Protein backbone atom coordinates (compact mmCIF):
# COMPACT_ATOMS: atom_id res chain seq x y z
CA MET A 1 -73.44 120.09 -28.57
CA THR A 2 -72.46 122.45 -31.37
CA HIS A 3 -74.92 124.05 -33.79
CA PRO A 4 -73.83 121.80 -36.70
CA GLU A 5 -74.24 118.72 -34.47
CA ILE A 6 -77.74 119.88 -33.52
CA ILE A 7 -78.68 120.29 -37.19
CA VAL A 8 -77.42 116.79 -38.03
CA LYS A 9 -79.20 115.17 -35.08
CA VAL A 10 -82.50 116.99 -35.62
CA ASN A 11 -82.42 116.18 -39.34
CA GLN A 12 -81.72 112.51 -38.60
CA LEU A 13 -84.61 112.50 -36.14
CA MET A 14 -86.92 114.01 -38.77
CA GLN A 15 -85.83 111.49 -41.41
CA LYS A 16 -86.17 108.43 -39.17
CA GLY A 17 -89.13 109.47 -37.06
CA PHE A 18 -91.26 111.09 -39.76
CA GLU A 19 -89.85 109.66 -43.02
CA ILE A 20 -89.05 113.11 -44.39
CA PRO A 21 -86.60 113.09 -47.32
CA ALA A 22 -83.26 114.77 -46.59
CA GLU A 23 -83.69 117.25 -49.45
CA LYS A 24 -86.75 118.73 -47.71
CA LEU A 25 -84.84 119.35 -44.47
CA ILE A 26 -83.77 122.95 -44.97
CA PRO A 27 -83.81 125.60 -42.23
CA THR A 28 -86.66 127.57 -43.82
CA ALA A 29 -88.93 124.53 -44.19
CA MET A 30 -92.25 125.07 -42.45
CA LEU A 31 -93.02 122.11 -40.19
CA PHE A 32 -96.71 121.87 -41.06
CA ASP A 33 -96.88 123.25 -44.60
CA ASP A 34 -93.59 122.05 -46.12
CA LEU A 35 -92.82 118.94 -44.08
CA GLY A 36 -96.39 117.75 -43.66
CA LEU A 37 -96.39 117.44 -39.88
CA ASP A 38 -99.65 117.71 -37.96
CA SER A 39 -100.36 118.44 -34.29
CA LEU A 40 -99.85 114.81 -33.25
CA ASP A 41 -96.53 114.78 -35.10
CA ALA A 42 -95.52 117.90 -33.16
CA VAL A 43 -96.10 116.04 -29.89
CA ASP A 44 -94.14 113.06 -31.23
CA MET A 45 -91.34 115.43 -32.26
CA LEU A 46 -91.24 116.80 -28.71
CA VAL A 47 -90.87 113.28 -27.30
CA HIS A 48 -88.18 112.39 -29.87
CA LEU A 49 -86.22 115.56 -29.07
CA GLU A 50 -86.30 114.79 -25.37
CA GLU A 51 -85.39 111.12 -25.73
CA ASN A 52 -82.74 111.43 -28.44
CA LEU A 53 -81.11 114.76 -27.66
CA GLY A 54 -81.30 114.79 -23.88
CA VAL A 55 -83.18 118.07 -23.58
CA LYS A 56 -86.38 118.85 -21.71
CA VAL A 57 -88.80 120.72 -23.96
CA ASP A 58 -91.54 122.83 -22.42
CA ALA A 59 -94.67 122.27 -24.51
CA GLU A 60 -95.38 126.02 -24.44
CA LYS A 61 -92.08 126.75 -26.17
CA LEU A 62 -93.06 124.34 -28.92
CA THR A 63 -96.06 126.52 -29.80
CA THR A 64 -93.71 129.18 -31.19
CA VAL A 65 -91.84 126.74 -33.42
CA ARG A 66 -92.80 127.13 -37.08
CA THR A 67 -89.71 126.23 -39.12
CA LEU A 68 -86.94 123.70 -38.91
CA GLN A 69 -84.59 126.57 -37.97
CA ASP A 70 -86.88 127.26 -35.02
CA VAL A 71 -86.39 123.63 -33.92
CA TYR A 72 -82.59 123.98 -34.24
CA ASN A 73 -82.67 127.20 -32.21
CA LEU A 74 -84.92 125.69 -29.54
CA VAL A 75 -82.65 122.66 -29.08
CA GLU A 76 -79.56 124.86 -29.03
CA GLY A 77 -81.08 127.15 -26.41
CA LEU A 78 -82.13 124.22 -24.25
CA SER A 79 -78.67 122.66 -24.59
CA LEU A 80 -77.08 125.92 -23.49
CA GLU A 81 -79.44 126.18 -20.52
CA SER A 82 -78.52 122.64 -19.48
CA GLY A 83 -74.83 123.42 -19.83
CA LEU A 84 -75.12 126.61 -17.81
CA THR A 85 -76.97 124.81 -15.06
CA SER A 86 -74.28 122.15 -14.71
CA ARG A 87 -71.49 124.76 -14.84
CA GLN A 88 -73.19 126.84 -12.15
CA THR A 89 -73.51 123.77 -9.96
CA SER A 90 -69.82 122.92 -10.26
CA THR A 91 -68.86 126.56 -9.68
CA ASP A 92 -71.09 126.73 -6.60
CA SER A 93 -69.59 123.60 -5.08
CA ALA A 94 -66.07 124.77 -5.91
CA SER A 95 -66.66 128.09 -4.15
CA SER A 96 -67.65 126.30 -0.94
CA THR A 97 -64.25 124.60 -0.77
CA PRO A 98 -61.61 126.67 1.02
CA PRO A 99 -58.55 127.58 -1.06
CA ALA A 100 -55.46 125.39 -0.62
CA ASN A 101 -52.62 126.80 1.45
CA HIS A 102 -49.54 126.93 -0.79
CA ASN A 103 -47.09 128.06 1.94
């Protein structure tokens, strides 16, 4: 998932899940102060991110999230971690296969 795709998906999630107007969804928006989320909303956001974006969010990482940009960065980082894990797995299994004899 590219960074622009993450922004679109997170913004859609915020609009649908929390009824936040699109014009408020700017990277510098503070989740609690500007967007009006509370601690229960933060937990709901975690569940929505996991269900809709296919990432596993550690609740501890969520404690450092303050702005919408922080959410974008968190999802991007988790997406990259997931991608690296699957690439490492395919690389590991490929390395266990002996090379083909081309003679």
